PDB file of N, CA and C in Angstrom:
ATOM      1  N   UNK A   1       7.396 230.940  47.957  1.00  0.00           N
ATOM      2  CA  UNK A   1       6.435 230.089  47.275  1.00  0.00           C
ATOM      3  C   UNK A   1       7.114 228.779  46.879  1.00  0.00           C
ATOM      4  N   UNK A   2       6.444 227.704  47.144  1.00  0.00           N
ATOM      5  CA  UNK A   2       6.957 226.399  46.728  1.00  0.00           C
ATOM      6  C   UNK A   2       6.667 226.209  45.242  1.00  0.00           C
ATOM      7  N   UNK A   3       7.595 225.638  44.504  1.00  0.00           N
ATOM      8  CA  UNK A   3       7.411 225.465  43.068  1.00  0.00           C
ATOM      9  C   UNK A   3       6.301 224.467  42.759  1.00  0.00           C
ATOM     10  N   UNK A   4       6.157 223.481  43.588  1.00  0.00           N
ATOM     11  CA  UNK A   4       5.137 222.454  43.365  1.00  0.00           C
ATOM     12  C   UNK A   4       3.950 222.670  44.299  1.00  0.00           C
ATOM     13  N   UNK A   5       3.673 223.924  44.618  1.00  0.00           N
ATOM     14  CA  UNK A   5       2.702 224.255  45.662  1.00  0.00           C
ATOM     15  C   UNK A   5       1.264 223.887  45.313  1.00  0.00           C
ATOM     16  N   UNK A   6       0.577 223.426  46.310  1.00  0.00           N
ATOM     17  CA  UNK A   6      -0.870 223.263  46.311  1.00  0.00           C
ATOM     18  C   UNK A   6      -1.279 223.944  47.610  1.00  0.00           C
ATOM     19  N   UNK A   7      -1.844 225.169  47.537  1.00  0.00           N
ATOM     20  CA  UNK A   7      -2.075 225.971  48.745  1.00  0.00           C
ATOM     21  C   UNK A   7      -2.776 225.242  49.891  1.00  0.00           C
ATOM     22  N   UNK A   8      -3.823 224.508  49.604  1.00  0.00           N
ATOM     23  CA  UNK A   8      -4.565 223.842  50.672  1.00  0.00           C
ATOM     24  C   UNK A   8      -3.726 222.732  51.305  1.00  0.00           C
ATOM     25  N   UNK A   9      -3.133 221.899  50.477  1.00  0.00           N
ATOM     26  CA  UNK A   9      -2.313 220.805  50.992  1.00  0.00           C
ATOM     27  C   UNK A   9      -1.116 221.356  51.756  1.00  0.00           C
ATOM     28  N   UNK A  10      -0.454 222.370  51.207  1.00  0.00           N
ATOM     29  CA  UNK A  10       0.720 222.937  51.871  1.00  0.00           C
ATOM     30  C   UNK A  10       0.364 223.542  53.222  1.00  0.00           C
ATOM     31  N   UNK A  11      -0.729 224.298  53.297  1.00  0.00           N
ATOM     32  CA  UNK A  11      -1.110 224.929  54.572  1.00  0.00           C
ATOM     33  C   UNK A  11      -1.371 223.867  55.638  1.00  0.00           C
ATOM     34  N   UNK A  12      -2.141 222.858  55.284  1.00  0.00           N
ATOM     35  CA  UNK A  12      -2.461 221.813  56.258  1.00  0.00           C
ATOM     36  C   UNK A  12      -1.211 221.016  56.640  1.00  0.00           C
ATOM     37  N   UNK A  13      -0.362 220.733  55.672  1.00  0.00           N
ATOM     38  CA  UNK A  13       0.849 219.956  55.962  1.00  0.00           C
ATOM     39  C   UNK A  13       1.812 220.728  56.843  1.00  0.00           C
ATOM     40  N   UNK A  14       2.015 222.020  56.553  1.00  0.00           N
ATOM     41  CA  UNK A  14       2.915 222.825  57.391  1.00  0.00           C
ATOM     42  C   UNK A  14       2.375 222.917  58.811  1.00  0.00           C
ATOM     43  N   UNK A  15       1.059 223.070  58.956  1.00  0.00           N
ATOM     44  CA  UNK A  15       0.465 223.132  60.301  1.00  0.00           C
ATOM     45  C   UNK A  15       0.682 221.812  61.033  1.00  0.00           C
ATOM     46  N   UNK A  16       0.510 220.702  60.327  1.00  0.00           N
ATOM     47  CA  UNK A  16       0.683 219.394  60.959  1.00  0.00           C
ATOM     48  C   UNK A  16       2.121 219.226  61.438  1.00  0.00           C
ATOM     49  N   UNK A  17       3.083 219.524  60.559  1.00  0.00           N
ATOM     50  CA  UNK A  17       4.495 219.364  60.909  1.00  0.00           C
ATOM     51  C   UNK A  17       4.892 220.310  62.040  1.00  0.00           C
ATOM     52  N   UNK A  18       4.333 221.527  62.047  1.00  0.00           N
ATOM     53  CA  UNK A  18       4.670 222.510  63.080  1.00  0.00           C
ATOM     54  C   UNK A  18       4.000 222.199  64.414  1.00  0.00           C
ATOM     55  N   UNK A  19       3.080 221.248  64.407  1.00  0.00           N
ATOM     56  CA  UNK A  19       2.401 220.896  65.651  1.00  0.00           C
ATOM     57  C   UNK A  19       1.252 221.817  65.983  1.00  0.00           C
ATOM     58  N   UNK A  20       0.792 222.601  64.997  1.00  0.00           N
ATOM     59  CA  UNK A  20      -0.297 223.535  65.274  1.00  0.00           C
ATOM     60  C   UNK A  20      -1.572 223.201  64.504  1.00  0.00           C
ATOM     61  N   UNK A  21      -1.594 222.074  63.828  1.00  0.00           N
ATOM     62  CA  UNK A  21      -2.777 221.681  63.075  1.00  0.00           C
ATOM     63  C   UNK A  21      -3.797 220.982  63.959  1.00  0.00           C
ATOM     64  N   UNK A  22      -4.934 220.655  63.355  1.00  0.00           N
ATOM     65  CA  UNK A  22      -6.012 219.992  64.099  1.00  0.00           C
ATOM     66  C   UNK A  22      -5.578 218.618  64.613  1.00  0.00           C
ATOM     67  N   UNK A  23      -4.736 217.958  63.867  1.00  0.00           N
ATOM     68  CA  UNK A  23      -4.228 216.644  64.292  1.00  0.00           C
ATOM     69  C   UNK A  23      -2.699 216.686  64.286  1.00  0.00           C
ATOM     70  N   UNK A  24      -2.148 217.549  65.095  1.00  0.00           N
ATOM     71  CA  UNK A  24      -0.714 217.848  65.103  1.00  0.00           C
ATOM     72  C   UNK A  24       0.166 216.614  65.282  1.00  0.00           C
ATOM     73  N   UNK A  25       1.328 216.667  64.651  1.00  0.00           N
ATOM     74  CA  UNK A  25       2.320 215.599  64.802  1.00  0.00           C
ATOM     75  C   UNK A  25       2.907 215.659  66.203  1.00  0.00           C
ATOM     76  N   UNK A  26       3.163 214.523  66.817  1.00  0.00           N
ATOM     77  CA  UNK A  26       3.805 214.549  68.135  1.00  0.00           C
ATOM     78  C   UNK A  26       5.224 215.105  68.013  1.00  0.00           C
ATOM     79  N   UNK A  27       5.705 215.721  69.078  1.00  0.00           N
ATOM     80  CA  UNK A  27       7.015 216.377  69.029  1.00  0.00           C
ATOM     81  C   UNK A  27       8.148 215.426  68.667  1.00  0.00           C
ATOM     82  N   UNK A  28       7.992 214.156  68.972  1.00  0.00           N
ATOM     83  CA  UNK A  28       9.068 213.202  68.710  1.00  0.00           C
ATOM     84  C   UNK A  28       9.047 212.654  67.286  1.00  0.00           C
ATOM     85  N   UNK A  29       8.083 213.092  66.490  1.00  0.00           N
ATOM     86  CA  UNK A  29       8.010 212.650  65.088  1.00  0.00           C
ATOM     87  C   UNK A  29       8.901 213.559  64.257  1.00  0.00           C
ATOM     88  N   UNK A  30      10.084 213.090  63.936  1.00  0.00           N
ATOM     89  CA  UNK A  30      11.035 213.872  63.157  1.00  0.00           C
ATOM     90  C   UNK A  30      11.290 213.114  61.859  1.00  0.00           C
ATOM     91  N   UNK A  31      10.903 213.725  60.760  1.00  0.00           N
ATOM     92  CA  UNK A  31      11.045 213.060  59.472  1.00  0.00           C
ATOM     93  C   UNK A  31      12.505 212.839  59.103  1.00  0.00           C
ATOM     94  N   UNK A  32      12.772 211.693  58.515  1.00  0.00           N
ATOM     95  CA  UNK A  32      14.090 211.369  57.995  1.00  0.00           C
ATOM     96  C   UNK A  32      13.996 211.516  56.476  1.00  0.00           C
ATOM     97  N   UNK A  33      14.621 212.555  55.902  1.00  0.00           N
ATOM     98  CA  UNK A  33      14.485 212.779  54.461  1.00  0.00           C
ATOM     99  C   UNK A  33      15.003 211.624  53.609  1.00  0.00           C
ATOM    100  N   UNK A  34      15.999 210.901  54.095  1.00  0.00           N
ATOM    101  CA  UNK A  34      16.512 209.761  53.328  1.00  0.00           C
ATOM    102  C   UNK A  34      15.480 208.634  53.278  1.00  0.00           C
ATOM    103  N   UNK A  35      14.843 208.360  54.408  1.00  0.00           N
ATOM    104  CA  UNK A  35      13.815 207.318  54.458  1.00  0.00           C
ATOM    105  C   UNK A  35      12.604 207.718  53.613  1.00  0.00           C
ATOM    106  N   UNK A  36      12.193 208.990  53.700  1.00  0.00           N
ATOM    107  CA  UNK A  36      11.062 209.467  52.903  1.00  0.00           C
ATOM    108  C   UNK A  36      11.362 209.333  51.409  1.00  0.00           C
ATOM    109  N   UNK A  37      12.571 209.695  51.004  1.00  0.00           N
ATOM    110  CA  UNK A  37      12.949 209.578  49.591  1.00  0.00           C
ATOM    111  C   UNK A  37      12.936 208.116  49.150  1.00  0.00           C
ATOM    112  N   UNK A  38      13.455 207.233  49.987  1.00  0.00           N
ATOM    113  CA  UNK A  38      13.484 205.806  49.642  1.00  0.00           C
ATOM    114  C   UNK A  38      12.071 205.244  49.493  1.00  0.00           C
ATOM    115  N   UNK A  39      11.149 205.700  50.343  1.00  0.00           N
ATOM    116  CA  UNK A  39       9.776 205.187  50.306  1.00  0.00           C
ATOM    117  C   UNK A  39       8.958 205.777  49.160  1.00  0.00           C
ATOM    118  N   UNK A  40       9.105 207.088  48.924  1.00  0.00           N
ATOM    119  CA  UNK A  40       8.195 207.768  48.007  1.00  0.00           C
ATOM    120  C   UNK A  40       8.816 208.189  46.680  1.00  0.00           C
ATOM    121  N   UNK A  41      10.128 208.094  46.548  1.00  0.00           N
ATOM    122  CA  UNK A  41      10.815 208.446  45.303  1.00  0.00           C
ATOM    123  C   UNK A  41      12.013 207.514  45.127  1.00  0.00           C
ATOM    124  N   UNK A  42      11.764 206.196  45.100  1.00  0.00           N
ATOM    125  CA  UNK A  42      12.871 205.238  45.101  1.00  0.00           C
ATOM    126  C   UNK A  42      13.840 205.393  43.929  1.00  0.00           C
ATOM    127  N   UNK A  43      13.365 205.886  42.797  1.00  0.00           N
ATOM    128  CA  UNK A  43      14.252 206.079  41.648  1.00  0.00           C
ATOM    129  C   UNK A  43      14.905 207.455  41.642  1.00  0.00           C
ATOM    130  N   UNK A  44      14.488 208.343  42.554  1.00  0.00           N
ATOM    131  CA  UNK A  44      15.068 209.677  42.634  1.00  0.00           C
ATOM    132  C   UNK A  44      14.602 210.636  41.559  1.00  0.00           C
ATOM    133  N   UNK A  45      13.535 210.306  40.852  1.00  0.00           N
ATOM    134  CA  UNK A  45      13.052 211.144  39.754  1.00  0.00           C
ATOM    135  C   UNK A  45      12.665 212.544  40.222  1.00  0.00           C
ATOM    136  N   UNK A  46      11.852 212.614  41.256  1.00  0.00           N
ATOM    137  CA  UNK A  46      11.396 213.913  41.770  1.00  0.00           C
ATOM    138  C   UNK A  46      12.566 214.720  42.328  1.00  0.00           C
ATOM    139  N   UNK A  47      13.396 214.073  43.116  1.00  0.00           N
ATOM    140  CA  UNK A  47      14.526 214.776  43.736  1.00  0.00           C
ATOM    141  C   UNK A  47      15.462 215.330  42.670  1.00  0.00           C
ATOM    142  N   UNK A  48      15.786 214.549  41.658  1.00  0.00           N
ATOM    143  CA  UNK A  48      16.697 215.027  40.606  1.00  0.00           C
ATOM    144  C   UNK A  48      16.091 216.186  39.824  1.00  0.00           C
ATOM    145  N   UNK A  49      14.760 216.187  39.682  1.00  0.00           N
ATOM    146  CA  UNK A  49      14.112 217.289  38.961  1.00  0.00           C
ATOM    147  C   UNK A  49      14.286 218.607  39.706  1.00  0.00           C
ATOM    148  N   UNK A  50      14.134 218.574  41.014  1.00  0.00           N
ATOM    149  CA  UNK A  50      14.147 219.811  41.796  1.00  0.00           C
ATOM    150  C   UNK A  50      15.467 220.071  42.513  1.00  0.00           C
ATOM    151  N   UNK A  51      16.344 219.109  42.567  1.00  0.00           N
ATOM    152  CA  UNK A  51      17.658 219.282  43.200  1.00  0.00           C
ATOM    153  C   UNK A  51      18.711 218.687  42.261  1.00  0.00           C
ATOM    154  N   UNK A  52      19.119 219.453  41.245  1.00  0.00           N
ATOM    155  CA  UNK A  52      20.021 218.925  40.224  1.00  0.00           C
ATOM    156  C   UNK A  52      21.360 218.413  40.757  1.00  0.00           C
ATOM    157  N   UNK A  53      21.747 218.826  41.959  1.00  0.00           N
ATOM    158  CA  UNK A  53      23.010 218.320  42.512  1.00  0.00           C
ATOM    159  C   UNK A  53      22.948 216.816  42.770  1.00  0.00           C
ATOM    160  N   UNK A  54      21.748 216.239  42.721  1.00  0.00           N
ATOM    161  CA  UNK A  54      21.581 214.795  42.901  1.00  0.00           C
ATOM    162  C   UNK A  54      21.517 214.047  41.566  1.00  0.00           C
ATOM    163  N   UNK A  55      21.755 214.748  40.459  1.00  0.00           N
ATOM    164  CA  UNK A  55      21.630 214.138  39.135  1.00  0.00           C
ATOM    165  C   UNK A  55      22.747 213.136  38.831  1.00  0.00           C
ATOM    166  N   UNK A  56      23.896 213.276  39.461  1.00  0.00           N
ATOM    167  CA  UNK A  56      25.020 212.371  39.193  1.00  0.00           C
ATOM    168  C   UNK A  56      24.855 211.027  39.871  1.00  0.00           C
ATOM    169  N   UNK A  57      25.880 210.219  39.752  1.00  0.00           N
ATOM    170  CA  UNK A  57      25.855 208.882  40.353  1.00  0.00           C
ATOM    171  C   UNK A  57      26.006 208.915  41.869  1.00  0.00           C
ATOM    172  N   UNK A  58      26.681 209.950  42.374  1.00  0.00           N
ATOM    173  CA  UNK A  58      26.910 210.050  43.814  1.00  0.00           C
ATOM    174  C   UNK A  58      26.184 211.258  44.391  1.00  0.00           C
ATOM    175  N   UNK A  59      25.552 211.057  45.525  1.00  0.00           N
ATOM    176  CA  UNK A  59      24.871 212.165  46.206  1.00  0.00           C
ATOM    177  C   UNK A  59      25.916 213.089  46.824  1.00  0.00           C
ATOM    178  N   UNK A  60      25.596 214.383  46.945  1.00  0.00           N
ATOM    179  CA  UNK A  60      26.536 215.297  47.602  1.00  0.00           C
ATOM    180  C   UNK A  60      26.690 214.947  49.083  1.00  0.00           C
ATOM    181  N   UNK A  61      27.755 215.443  49.686  1.00  0.00           N
ATOM    182  CA  UNK A  61      27.981 215.217  51.115  1.00  0.00           C
ATOM    183  C   UNK A  61      26.819 215.798  51.912  1.00  0.00           C
ATOM    184  N   UNK A  62      26.353 215.116  52.943  1.00  0.00           N
ATOM    185  CA  UNK A  62      25.263 215.650  53.772  1.00  0.00           C
ATOM    186  C   UNK A  62      25.678 216.954  54.453  1.00  0.00           C
ATOM    187  N   UNK A  63      24.725 217.846  54.623  1.00  0.00           N
ATOM    188  CA  UNK A  63      24.975 219.115  55.307  1.00  0.00           C
ATOM    189  C   UNK A  63      25.004 218.882  56.813  1.00  0.00           C
ATOM    190  N   UNK A  64      24.147 217.979  57.282  1.00  0.00           N
ATOM    191  CA  UNK A  64      24.085 217.663  58.710  1.00  0.00           C
ATOM    192  C   UNK A  64      24.088 216.152  58.896  1.00  0.00           C
ATOM    193  N   UNK A  65      24.416 215.718  60.085  1.00  0.00           N
ATOM    194  CA  UNK A  65      24.330 214.312  60.459  1.00  0.00           C
ATOM    195  C   UNK A  65      22.904 214.094  60.965  1.00  0.00           C
ATOM    196  N   UNK A  66      22.114 213.316  60.225  1.00  0.00           N
ATOM    197  CA  UNK A  66      20.699 213.154  60.567  1.00  0.00           C
ATOM    198  C   UNK A  66      20.487 212.601  61.972  1.00  0.00           C
ATOM    199  N   UNK A  67      21.256 211.603  62.368  1.00  0.00           N
ATOM    200  CA  UNK A  67      21.079 211.027  63.700  1.00  0.00           C
ATOM    201  C   UNK A  67      21.437 212.038  64.784  1.00  0.00           C
ATOM    202  N   UNK A  68      22.549 212.735  64.608  1.00  0.00           N
ATOM    203  CA  UNK A  68      22.983 213.707  65.624  1.00  0.00           C
ATOM    204  C   UNK A  68      21.983 214.854  65.761  1.00  0.00           C
ATOM    205  N   UNK A  69      21.481 215.361  64.630  1.00  0.00           N
ATOM    206  CA  UNK A  69      20.535 216.481  64.713  1.00  0.00           C
ATOM    207  C   UNK A  69      19.187 216.023  65.258  1.00  0.00           C
ATOM    208  N   UNK A  70      18.784 214.794  64.931  1.00  0.00           N
ATOM    209  CA  UNK A  70      17.541 214.258  65.496  1.00  0.00           C
ATOM    210  C   UNK A  70      17.672 214.129  67.010  1.00  0.00           C
ATOM    211  N   UNK A  71      18.785 213.555  67.455  1.00  0.00           N
ATOM    212  CA  UNK A  71      19.016 213.392  68.895  1.00  0.00           C
ATOM    213  C   UNK A  71      19.045 214.743  69.609  1.00  0.00           C
ATOM    214  N   UNK A  72      19.683 215.740  68.993  1.00  0.00           N
ATOM    215  CA  UNK A  72      19.758 217.079  69.597  1.00  0.00           C
ATOM    216  C   UNK A  72      18.369 217.711  69.689  1.00  0.00           C
ATOM    217  N   UNK A  73      17.566 217.551  68.646  1.00  0.00           N
ATOM    218  CA  UNK A  73      16.212 218.110  68.658  1.00  0.00           C
ATOM    219  C   UNK A  73      15.363 217.440  69.738  1.00  0.00           C
ATOM    220  N   UNK A  74      15.436 216.117  69.827  1.00  0.00           N
ATOM    221  CA  UNK A  74      14.665 215.405  70.850  1.00  0.00           C
ATOM    222  C   UNK A  74      15.099 215.810  72.255  1.00  0.00           C
ATOM    223  N   UNK A  75      16.393 216.003  72.457  1.00  0.00           N
ATOM    224  CA  UNK A  75      16.893 216.439  73.768  1.00  0.00           C
ATOM    225  C   UNK A  75      16.367 217.831  74.097  1.00  0.00           C
ATOM    226  N   UNK A  76      16.337 218.716  73.110  1.00  0.00           N
ATOM    227  CA  UNK A  76      15.817 220.070  73.335  1.00  0.00           C
ATOM    228  C   UNK A  76      14.327 220.027  73.667  1.00  0.00           C
ATOM    229  N   UNK A  77      13.559 219.218  72.937  1.00  0.00           N
ATOM    230  CA  UNK A  77      12.124 219.089  73.221  1.00  0.00           C
ATOM    231  C   UNK A  77      11.899 218.538  74.626  1.00  0.00           C
ATOM    232  N   UNK A  78      12.667 217.527  74.991  1.00  0.00           N
ATOM    233  CA  UNK A  78      12.544 216.938  76.331  1.00  0.00           C
ATOM    234  C   UNK A  78      12.859 217.966  77.411  1.00  0.00           C
ATOM    235  N   UNK A  79      13.889 218.777  77.183  1.00  0.00           N
ATOM    236  CA  UNK A  79      14.268 219.800  78.163  1.00  0.00           C
ATOM    237  C   UNK A  79      13.129 220.792  78.369  1.00  0.00           C
ATOM    238  N   UNK A  80      12.495 221.212  77.287  1.00  0.00           N
ATOM    239  CA  UNK A  80      11.367 222.146  77.399  1.00  0.00           C
ATOM    240  C   UNK A  80      10.202 221.461  78.101  1.00  0.00           C
ATOM    241  N   UNK A  81       9.911 220.232  77.696  1.00  0.00           N
ATOM    242  CA  UNK A  81       8.800 219.482  78.299  1.00  0.00           C
ATOM    243  C   UNK A  81       9.009 219.301  79.798  1.00  0.00           C
ATOM    244  N   UNK A  82      10.234 219.013  80.209  1.00  0.00           N
ATOM    245  CA  UNK A  82      10.530 218.774  81.624  1.00  0.00           C
ATOM    246  C   UNK A  82      10.672 220.050  82.444  1.00  0.00           C
ATOM    247  N   UNK A  83      10.736 221.194  81.787  1.00  0.00           N
ATOM    248  CA  UNK A  83      10.897 222.454  82.521  1.00  0.00           C
ATOM    249  C   UNK A  83       9.560 223.036  82.972  1.00  0.00           C
ATOM    250  N   UNK A  84       8.493 222.381  82.619  1.00  0.00           N
ATOM    251  CA  UNK A  84       7.160 222.902  82.981  1.00  0.00           C
ATOM    252  C   UNK A  84       6.772 222.494  84.372  1.00  0.00           C
TER     253      UNK A  84
END
């Protein structure tokens, strides 16, 4: 269960992101969490509330390299698309 859950919004959003909703996201649409945070939470208020490790002056080390994982995901999608 998501702590900030809204069942209707969450169901539709998960379907959209998974590509199974009525207006599914294209496979090449990969969200960048840093860009989303900058656009929708520029002061970091929401993130600090739910991810206390971001409460300090410096953000923790990234778990993954966003560009590398995005490129790998797109390559995998392309491979599946081209195998048909």
